[in-house]
Amino acid sequence: MLITGASSGLGREMASQLAGRGWRIAVTGRRETELRAVAQHVESRGAECLVLVGSVTEPDTVKRHYAAVRERWAGLDWLILNAGIGDATDARDFQGDAFRRVLATNVGGALNWLEVALPDMVAAGRGTVAGISSLAAWRGLPRAGAYSASKAALAALLESVRVDLRGTGVDVVTVFPGFIKNGNARPGEEETKPFVLELEDGVRRILAGIDRKAPTVHFPWPLSYFMKYVGRNMPDRLYDSLVGRLMPRSPSPRA
């Protein structure tokens, strides 16, 4: 199995929890030192680990990584599309490059891995693809246009892939997590988020959903059900007003 974006946060914790099952795990990421530390931890738990250093945004790098997987293990049973970035974006100071960077990683990275891995899964008649989207995919959030757009695009992509692959033996799971502590936020910032989960708990829920091969997984329920059944159907003017009050604007970046 392979996890993209495994050098920190969700990806690192997924590798750790799956190592306890004795899985053979390939991990990808751009930060070699952190990635090798993950591999050392995985191997200390008795699992085999393959380190693949490089960016998911580079098609040639992804092709080389998958070739290494095929040479070592002949293919993949699980492909977890976890690599993602969440740079803040504000439309009052619209920077196209910031959007392109987020989309290239969160969507382009998934496309690159699907291109190389899906043909072998379909030919083998088995496999699971899981993509980590977000509850932010269900409505555009303030100062998160790039992130919300990328996660919405990833969710729609995986839904279409799931429908296309009916009857092939390949399962597709889309995960919509809420806030999960990942250690990358500023001190005290994560505690202010609604229904925030500890990293270990959040990853357990992700992996449980993938184990079930559920088409969609969303949590925690108080936030996810509100976003899914209330937020998505809320009239636009009401949504704009409510979110504007809950997440007040900072001073204009051009001021």
C-alpha atoms as a PDB file:
ATOM      1  CA  MET A   1       0.000   0.000   0.000  1.00  0.00           C
ATOM      2  CA  LEU A   2       1.072   3.591  -0.544  1.00  0.00           C
ATOM      3  CA  ILE A   3       0.400   6.855   1.298  1.00  0.00           C
ATOM      4  CA  THR A   4       1.151  10.185  -0.338  1.00  0.00           C
ATOM      5  CA  GLY A   5       2.113  13.126   1.841  1.00  0.00           C
ATOM      6  CA  ALA A   6       3.362  10.857   4.622  1.00  0.00           C
ATOM      7  CA  SER A   7       6.168  12.965   6.074  1.00  0.00           C
ATOM      8  CA  SER A   8       3.908  14.599   8.690  1.00  0.00           C
ATOM      9  CA  GLY A   9       0.370  14.947  10.010  1.00  0.00           C
ATOM     10  CA  LEU A  10      -2.318  12.550   8.822  1.00  0.00           C
ATOM     11  CA  GLY A  11      -0.034  10.655   6.458  1.00  0.00           C
ATOM     12  CA  ARG A  12       2.587   9.987   9.108  1.00  0.00           C
ATOM     13  CA  GLU A  13      -0.028   8.798  11.601  1.00  0.00           C
ATOM     14  CA  MET A  14      -1.683   6.563   8.988  1.00  0.00           C
ATOM     15  CA  ALA A  15       1.667   4.925   8.284  1.00  0.00           C
ATOM     16  CA  SER A  16       2.187   4.391  12.010  1.00  0.00           C
ATOM     17  CA  GLN A  17      -1.225   2.827  12.599  1.00  0.00           C
ATOM     18  CA  LEU A  18      -1.026   0.621   9.508  1.00  0.00           C
ATOM     19  CA  ALA A  19       2.449  -0.547  10.507  1.00  0.00           C
ATOM     20  CA  GLY A  20       0.807  -2.193  13.481  1.00  0.00           C
ATOM     21  CA  ARG A  21      -1.061  -4.426  11.046  1.00  0.00           C
ATOM     22  CA  GLY A  22       2.160  -5.640   9.457  1.00  0.00           C
ATOM     23  CA  TRP A  23       1.441  -3.978   6.105  1.00  0.00           C
ATOM     24  CA  ARG A  24       4.127  -3.278   3.538  1.00  0.00           C
ATOM     25  CA  ILE A  25       3.953   0.491   3.219  1.00  0.00           C
ATOM     26  CA  ALA A  26       5.362   2.919   0.655  1.00  0.00           C
ATOM     27  CA  VAL A  27       5.495   6.544   1.800  1.00  0.00           C
ATOM     28  CA  THR A  28       5.948   9.610  -0.367  1.00  0.00           C
ATOM     29  CA  GLY A  29       6.825  13.195   0.494  1.00  0.00           C
ATOM     30  CA  ARG A  30       9.137  16.059  -0.356  1.00  0.00           C
ATOM     31  CA  ARG A  31      11.023  16.224   2.966  1.00  0.00           C
ATOM     32  CA  GLU A  32      13.515  13.380   2.976  1.00  0.00           C
ATOM     33  CA  THR A  33      14.659  13.688   6.599  1.00  0.00           C
ATOM     34  CA  GLU A  34      11.104  13.576   7.955  1.00  0.00           C
ATOM     35  CA  LEU A  35      10.103  10.801   5.561  1.00  0.00           C
ATOM     36  CA  ARG A  36      13.012   8.590   6.583  1.00  0.00           C
ATOM     37  CA  ALA A  37      12.091   9.139  10.234  1.00  0.00           C
ATOM     38  CA  VAL A  38       8.596   7.878   9.417  1.00  0.00           C
ATOM     39  CA  ALA A  39      10.082   4.835   7.703  1.00  0.00           C
ATOM     40  CA  GLN A  40      12.325   4.122  10.694  1.00  0.00           C
ATOM     41  CA  HIS A  41       9.284   4.223  12.986  1.00  0.00           C
ATOM     42  CA  VAL A  42       7.283   1.954  10.652  1.00  0.00           C
ATOM     43  CA  GLU A  43      10.112  -0.573  10.455  1.00  0.00           C
ATOM     44  CA  SER A  44      10.558  -0.494  14.238  1.00  0.00           C
ATOM     45  CA  ARG A  45       7.002  -1.831  14.442  1.00  0.00           C
ATOM     46  CA  GLY A  46       7.885  -4.782  12.233  1.00  0.00           C
ATOM     47  CA  ALA A  47       6.526  -3.528   8.908  1.00  0.00           C
ATOM     48  CA  GLU A  48       8.387  -3.138   5.636  1.00  0.00           C
ATOM     49  CA  CYS A  49       8.644   0.446   4.347  1.00  0.00           C
ATOM     50  CA  LEU A  50       9.658   1.912   0.984  1.00  0.00           C
ATOM     51  CA  VAL A  51      10.718   5.588   0.996  1.00  0.00           C
ATOM     52  CA  LEU A  52       9.880   7.602  -2.128  1.00  0.00           C
ATOM     53  CA  VAL A  53      11.149  11.187  -1.958  1.00  0.00           C
ATOM     54  CA  GLY A  54       9.630  13.723  -4.325  1.00  0.00           C
ATOM     55  CA  SER A  55       6.572  15.780  -5.182  1.00  0.00           C
ATOM     56  CA  VAL A  56       3.217  14.372  -6.289  1.00  0.00           C
ATOM     57  CA  THR A  57       2.925  17.375  -8.607  1.00  0.00           C
ATOM     58  CA  GLU A  58       5.641  16.014 -10.906  1.00  0.00           C
ATOM     59  CA  PRO A  59       4.319  13.316 -13.291  1.00  0.00           C
ATOM     60  CA  ASP A  60       7.775  11.900 -14.056  1.00  0.00           C
ATOM     61  CA  THR A  61       8.553  11.603 -10.349  1.00  0.00           C
ATOM     62  CA  VAL A  62       5.272   9.780  -9.716  1.00  0.00           C
ATOM     63  CA  LYS A  63       5.944   7.399 -12.616  1.00  0.00           C
ATOM     64  CA  ARG A  64       9.389   6.655 -11.192  1.00  0.00           C
ATOM     65  CA  HIS A  65       7.928   6.072  -7.744  1.00  0.00           C
ATOM     66  CA  TYR A  66       5.311   3.671  -9.041  1.00  0.00           C
ATOM     67  CA  ALA A  67       7.938   1.810 -11.049  1.00  0.00           C
ATOM     68  CA  ALA A  68       9.850   1.286  -7.777  1.00  0.00           C
ATOM     69  CA  VAL A  69       6.677  -0.043  -6.133  1.00  0.00           C
ATOM     70  CA  ARG A  70       6.004  -2.452  -8.990  1.00  0.00           C
ATOM     71  CA  GLU A  71       9.597  -3.691  -8.974  1.00  0.00           C
ATOM     72  CA  ARG A  72       9.448  -4.386  -5.245  1.00  0.00           C
ATOM     73  CA  TRP A  73       5.858  -5.522  -4.692  1.00  0.00           C
ATOM     74  CA  ALA A  74       4.339  -5.915  -8.185  1.00  0.00           C
ATOM     75  CA  GLY A  75       1.615  -3.356  -7.419  1.00  0.00           C
ATOM     76  CA  LEU A  76      -0.638  -1.849  -4.771  1.00  0.00           C
ATOM     77  CA  ASP A  77      -3.633  -3.045  -2.765  1.00  0.00           C
ATOM     78  CA  TRP A  78      -4.332   0.376  -1.240  1.00  0.00           C
ATOM     79  CA  LEU A  79      -3.559   3.827  -2.618  1.00  0.00           C
ATOM     80  CA  ILE A  80      -4.218   6.629  -0.117  1.00  0.00           C
ATOM     81  CA  LEU A  81      -4.223  10.052  -1.784  1.00  0.00           C
ATOM     82  CA  ASN A  82      -3.400  12.173   1.232  1.00  0.00           C
ATOM     83  CA  ALA A  83      -0.891  14.768  -0.004  1.00  0.00           C
ATOM     84  CA  GLY A  84      -2.318  18.254   0.319  1.00  0.00           C
ATOM     85  CA  ILE A  85      -1.612  21.847   1.266  1.00  0.00           C
ATOM     86  CA  GLY A  86      -3.970  24.477   2.639  1.00  0.00           C
ATOM     87  CA  ASP A  87      -2.422  27.873   1.959  1.00  0.00           C
ATOM     88  CA  ALA A  88      -4.691  30.748   3.013  1.00  0.00           C
ATOM     89  CA  THR A  89      -6.100  32.727   0.094  1.00  0.00           C
ATOM     90  CA  ASP A  90      -8.073  35.978   0.183  1.00  0.00           C
ATOM     91  CA  ALA A  91     -10.009  37.142  -2.876  1.00  0.00           C
ATOM     92  CA  ARG A  92      -9.386  40.777  -1.916  1.00  0.00           C
ATOM     93  CA  ASP A  93      -5.748  40.157  -2.801  1.00  0.00           C
ATOM     94  CA  PHE A  94      -6.260  37.460  -5.419  1.00  0.00           C
ATOM     95  CA  GLN A  95      -3.042  35.667  -6.316  1.00  0.00           C
ATOM     96  CA  GLY A  96      -3.504  33.100  -9.054  1.00  0.00           C
ATOM     97  CA  ASP A  97      -0.194  31.418  -8.287  1.00  0.00           C
ATOM     98  CA  ALA A  98      -1.376  30.592  -4.762  1.00  0.00           C
ATOM     99  CA  PHE A  99      -4.467  28.869  -6.183  1.00  0.00           C
ATOM    100  CA  ARG A 100      -2.466  27.026  -8.810  1.00  0.00           C
ATOM    101  CA  ARG A 101      -0.040  25.752  -6.164  1.00  0.00           C
ATOM    102  CA  VAL A 102      -2.830  24.327  -4.009  1.00  0.00           C
ATOM    103  CA  LEU A 103      -4.692  22.796  -6.953  1.00  0.00           C
ATOM    104  CA  ALA A 104      -1.486  21.294  -8.380  1.00  0.00           C
ATOM    105  CA  THR A 105      -0.893  19.409  -5.131  1.00  0.00           C
ATOM    106  CA  ASN A 106      -4.392  18.583  -3.920  1.00  0.00           C
ATOM    107  CA  VAL A 107      -5.874  17.685  -7.319  1.00  0.00           C
ATOM    108  CA  GLY A 108      -2.937  17.314  -9.695  1.00  0.00           C
ATOM    109  CA  GLY A 109      -1.123  15.003  -7.307  1.00  0.00           C
ATOM    110  CA  ALA A 110      -4.154  12.716  -7.164  1.00  0.00           C
ATOM    111  CA  LEU A 111      -4.427  12.712 -10.958  1.00  0.00           C
ATOM    112  CA  ASN A 112      -0.778  11.747 -11.331  1.00  0.00           C
ATOM    113  CA  TRP A 113      -1.122   8.770  -8.990  1.00  0.00           C
ATOM    114  CA  LEU A 114      -4.432   7.602 -10.433  1.00  0.00           C
ATOM    115  CA  GLU A 115      -2.893   7.602 -13.894  1.00  0.00           C
ATOM    116  CA  VAL A 116      -0.113   5.210 -12.946  1.00  0.00           C
ATOM    117  CA  ALA A 117      -1.831   2.987 -10.376  1.00  0.00           C
ATOM    118  CA  LEU A 118      -5.384   2.478 -11.629  1.00  0.00           C
ATOM    119  CA  PRO A 119      -4.594   0.416 -14.758  1.00  0.00           C
ATOM    120  CA  ASP A 120      -2.871  -2.305 -12.722  1.00  0.00           C
ATOM    121  CA  MET A 121      -5.637  -2.328 -10.098  1.00  0.00           C
ATOM    122  CA  VAL A 122      -8.308  -2.705 -12.779  1.00  0.00           C
ATOM    123  CA  ALA A 123      -6.295  -5.421 -14.544  1.00  0.00           C
ATOM    124  CA  ALA A 124      -5.913  -7.298 -11.242  1.00  0.00           C
ATOM    125  CA  GLY A 125      -9.605  -6.894 -10.431  1.00  0.00           C
ATOM    126  CA  ARG A 126      -8.949  -5.619  -6.914  1.00  0.00           C
ATOM    127  CA  GLY A 127      -7.675  -2.661  -4.919  1.00  0.00           C
ATOM    128  CA  THR A 128      -8.801   0.339  -2.917  1.00  0.00           C
ATOM    129  CA  VAL A 129      -8.266   4.001  -3.699  1.00  0.00           C
ATOM    130  CA  ALA A 130      -8.944   6.449  -0.877  1.00  0.00           C
ATOM    131  CA  GLY A 131      -8.756  10.219  -1.202  1.00  0.00           C
ATOM    132  CA  ILE A 132      -8.637  12.662   1.703  1.00  0.00           C
ATOM    133  CA  SER A 133     -11.013  15.495   0.880  1.00  0.00           C
ATOM    134  CA  SER A 134     -12.499  17.755   3.594  1.00  0.00           C
ATOM    135  CA  LEU A 135     -15.776  19.091   4.952  1.00  0.00           C
ATOM    136  CA  ALA A 136     -14.542  22.327   3.365  1.00  0.00           C
ATOM    137  CA  ALA A 137     -15.434  20.745   0.008  1.00  0.00           C
ATOM    138  CA  TRP A 138     -19.144  21.241   0.730  1.00  0.00           C
ATOM    139  CA  ARG A 139     -19.158  25.073   0.938  1.00  0.00           C
ATOM    140  CA  GLY A 140     -16.652  27.747   0.028  1.00  0.00           C
ATOM    141  CA  LEU A 141     -15.009  28.976   3.236  1.00  0.00           C
ATOM    142  CA  PRO A 142     -13.634  32.481   3.808  1.00  0.00           C
ATOM    143  CA  ARG A 143      -9.952  32.913   2.931  1.00  0.00           C
ATOM    144  CA  ALA A 144      -9.877  29.280   1.817  1.00  0.00           C
ATOM    145  CA  GLY A 145     -11.034  29.496  -1.781  1.00  0.00           C
ATOM    146  CA  ALA A 146      -8.126  27.458  -3.107  1.00  0.00           C
ATOM    147  CA  TYR A 147      -8.478  24.791  -0.425  1.00  0.00           C
ATOM    148  CA  SER A 148     -12.276  24.486  -0.701  1.00  0.00           C
ATOM    149  CA  ALA A 149     -12.094  24.398  -4.497  1.00  0.00           C
ATOM    150  CA  SER A 150      -9.367  21.759  -4.517  1.00  0.00           C
ATOM    151  CA  LYS A 151     -11.166  19.500  -2.050  1.00  0.00           C
ATOM    152  CA  ALA A 152     -14.461  19.878  -3.929  1.00  0.00           C
ATOM    153  CA  ALA A 153     -12.687  19.001  -7.181  1.00  0.00           C
ATOM    154  CA  LEU A 154     -11.039  15.964  -5.588  1.00  0.00           C
ATOM    155  CA  ALA A 155     -14.383  14.760  -4.223  1.00  0.00           C
ATOM    156  CA  ALA A 156     -16.114  15.120  -7.599  1.00  0.00           C
ATOM    157  CA  LEU A 157     -13.212  13.411  -9.349  1.00  0.00           C
ATOM    158  CA  LEU A 158     -13.285  10.421  -7.000  1.00  0.00           C
ATOM    159  CA  GLU A 159     -17.063  10.146  -7.228  1.00  0.00           C
ATOM    160  CA  SER A 160     -16.847   9.908 -11.012  1.00  0.00           C
ATOM    161  CA  VAL A 161     -13.999   7.403 -10.795  1.00  0.00           C
ATOM    162  CA  ARG A 162     -16.036   5.306  -8.329  1.00  0.00           C
ATOM    163  CA  VAL A 163     -18.986   5.167 -10.712  1.00  0.00           C
ATOM    164  CA  ASP A 164     -16.768   4.361 -13.691  1.00  0.00           C
ATOM    165  CA  LEU A 165     -15.104   1.491 -11.824  1.00  0.00           C
ATOM    166  CA  ARG A 166     -18.287  -0.316 -10.811  1.00  0.00           C
ATOM    167  CA  GLY A 167     -17.849  -4.042 -11.323  1.00  0.00           C
ATOM    168  CA  THR A 168     -14.070  -3.892 -11.708  1.00  0.00           C
ATOM    169  CA  GLY A 169     -13.288  -4.973  -8.140  1.00  0.00           C
ATOM    170  CA  VAL A 170     -11.631  -1.634  -7.389  1.00  0.00           C
ATOM    171  CA  ASP A 171     -13.201   0.342  -4.539  1.00  0.00           C
ATOM    172  CA  VAL A 172     -13.029   4.120  -4.217  1.00  0.00           C
ATOM    173  CA  VAL A 173     -13.436   5.856  -0.860  1.00  0.00           C
ATOM    174  CA  THR A 174     -13.725   9.607  -0.362  1.00  0.00           C
ATOM    175  CA  VAL A 175     -13.010  10.882   3.144  1.00  0.00           C
ATOM    176  CA  PHE A 176     -14.428  14.189   4.386  1.00  0.00           C
ATOM    177  CA  PRO A 177     -12.782  14.865   7.758  1.00  0.00           C
ATOM    178  CA  GLY A 178     -13.460  17.839   9.957  1.00  0.00           C
ATOM    179  CA  PHE A 179     -10.726  19.509  11.997  1.00  0.00           C
ATOM    180  CA  ILE A 180      -7.923  17.187  13.117  1.00  0.00           C
ATOM    181  CA  LYS A 181      -4.892  18.274  15.093  1.00  0.00           C
ATOM    182  CA  ASN A 182      -1.787  17.724  13.012  1.00  0.00           C
ATOM    183  CA  GLY A 183       0.890  19.630  14.914  1.00  0.00           C
ATOM    184  CA  ASN A 184       1.428  22.148  12.116  1.00  0.00           C
ATOM    185  CA  ALA A 185      -0.731  24.976  13.469  1.00  0.00           C
ATOM    186  CA  ARG A 186       0.381  27.878  15.632  1.00  0.00           C
ATOM    187  CA  PRO A 187       0.248  27.248  19.410  1.00  0.00           C
ATOM    188  CA  GLY A 188      -3.332  27.334  20.661  1.00  0.00           C
ATOM    189  CA  GLU A 189      -4.827  27.697  17.173  1.00  0.00           C
ATOM    190  CA  GLU A 190      -6.146  24.141  16.840  1.00  0.00           C
ATOM    191  CA  GLU A 191      -7.992  24.248  20.170  1.00  0.00           C
ATOM    192  CA  THR A 192     -10.255  27.059  18.915  1.00  0.00           C
ATOM    193  CA  LYS A 193     -11.645  25.007  16.021  1.00  0.00           C
ATOM    194  CA  PRO A 194     -15.085  23.394  16.450  1.00  0.00           C
ATOM    195  CA  PHE A 195     -15.181  19.659  17.270  1.00  0.00           C
ATOM    196  CA  VAL A 196     -11.457  19.314  16.663  1.00  0.00           C
ATOM    197  CA  LEU A 197     -10.170  15.731  16.999  1.00  0.00           C
ATOM    198  CA  GLU A 198      -6.876  14.396  18.247  1.00  0.00           C
ATOM    199  CA  LEU A 199      -4.657  13.115  15.445  1.00  0.00           C
ATOM    200  CA  GLU A 200      -4.795   9.467  16.518  1.00  0.00           C
ATOM    201  CA  ASP A 201      -8.594   9.518  16.770  1.00  0.00           C
ATOM    202  CA  GLY A 202      -9.043  11.221  13.407  1.00  0.00           C
ATOM    203  CA  VAL A 203      -6.794   8.733  11.638  1.00  0.00           C
ATOM    204  CA  ARG A 204      -8.534   5.767  13.282  1.00  0.00           C
ATOM    205  CA  ARG A 205     -11.808   7.033  11.838  1.00  0.00           C
ATOM    206  CA  ILE A 206     -10.260   7.467   8.408  1.00  0.00           C
ATOM    207  CA  LEU A 207      -8.820   3.969   8.350  1.00  0.00           C
ATOM    208  CA  ALA A 208     -12.040   2.440   9.691  1.00  0.00           C
ATOM    209  CA  GLY A 209     -13.930   3.995   6.782  1.00  0.00           C
ATOM    210  CA  ILE A 210     -11.404   2.699   4.272  1.00  0.00           C
ATOM    211  CA  ASP A 211     -11.573  -0.754   5.856  1.00  0.00           C
ATOM    212  CA  ARG A 212     -15.361  -0.723   5.355  1.00  0.00           C
ATOM    213  CA  LYS A 213     -14.852   0.381   1.739  1.00  0.00           C
ATOM    214  CA  ALA A 214     -17.524   2.994   2.377  1.00  0.00           C
ATOM    215  CA  PRO A 215     -18.069   5.205  -0.688  1.00  0.00           C
ATOM    216  CA  THR A 216     -17.928   8.279   1.555  1.00  0.00           C
ATOM    217  CA  VAL A 217     -16.704   8.801   5.100  1.00  0.00           C
ATOM    218  CA  HIS A 218     -17.427  12.018   7.010  1.00  0.00           C
ATOM    219  CA  PHE A 219     -16.876  13.014  10.635  1.00  0.00           C
ATOM    220  CA  PRO A 220     -17.200  14.209  13.377  1.00  0.00           C
ATOM    221  CA  TRP A 221     -20.954  13.830  13.123  1.00  0.00           C
ATOM    222  CA  PRO A 222     -22.081  17.131  14.764  1.00  0.00           C
ATOM    223  CA  LEU A 223     -20.083  19.147  12.248  1.00  0.00           C
ATOM    224  CA  SER A 224     -20.301  16.827   9.254  1.00  0.00           C
ATOM    225  CA  TYR A 225     -24.063  16.370   9.413  1.00  0.00           C
ATOM    226  CA  PHE A 226     -24.542  20.116   9.782  1.00  0.00           C
ATOM    227  CA  MET A 227     -22.341  20.782   6.740  1.00  0.00           C
ATOM    228  CA  LYS A 228     -23.873  17.953   4.693  1.00  0.00           C
ATOM    229  CA  TYR A 229     -27.572  18.453   5.417  1.00  0.00           C
ATOM    230  CA  VAL A 230     -27.848  22.080   6.555  1.00  0.00           C
ATOM    231  CA  GLY A 231     -24.879  24.013   5.245  1.00  0.00           C
ATOM    232  CA  ARG A 232     -25.052  22.663   1.680  1.00  0.00           C
ATOM    233  CA  ASN A 233     -28.778  23.464   1.437  1.00  0.00           C
ATOM    234  CA  MET A 234     -28.659  26.838   3.175  1.00  0.00           C
ATOM    235  CA  PRO A 235     -29.755  29.790   1.004  1.00  0.00           C
ATOM    236  CA  ASP A 236     -26.736  31.657  -0.297  1.00  0.00           C
ATOM    237  CA  ARG A 237     -27.548  35.002   1.337  1.00  0.00           C
ATOM    238  CA  LEU A 238     -28.080  33.338   4.706  1.00  0.00           C
ATOM    239  CA  TYR A 239     -24.860  31.364   4.340  1.00  0.00           C
ATOM    240  CA  ASP A 240     -22.873  34.487   3.428  1.00  0.00           C
ATOM    241  CA  SER A 241     -24.270  36.394   6.411  1.00  0.00           C
ATOM    242  CA  LEU A 242     -23.797  33.565   8.903  1.00  0.00           C
ATOM    243  CA  VAL A 243     -20.275  32.663   7.867  1.00  0.00           C
ATOM    244  CA  GLY A 244     -19.366  36.345   7.713  1.00  0.00           C
ATOM    245  CA  ARG A 245     -20.350  36.754  11.344  1.00  0.00           C
ATOM    246  CA  LEU A 246     -18.729  33.552  12.531  1.00  0.00           C
ATOM    247  CA  MET A 247     -15.498  34.221  10.614  1.00  0.00           C
ATOM    248  CA  PRO A 248     -15.099  38.024  10.543  1.00  0.00           C
ATOM    249  CA  ARG A 249     -12.801  39.523   7.981  1.00  0.00           C
ATOM    250  CA  SER A 250      -9.338  40.624   8.869  1.00  0.00           C
ATOM    251  CA  PRO A 251      -8.210  44.054   7.613  1.00  0.00           C
ATOM    252  CA  SER A 252      -7.805  44.149   3.852  1.00  0.00           C
ATOM    253  CA  PRO A 253      -4.377  42.866   2.823  1.00  0.00           C
ATOM    254  CA  ARG A 254      -4.126  45.832   0.463  1.00  0.00           C
ATOM    255  CA  ALA A 255      -4.745  48.375   3.238  1.00  0.00           C
END
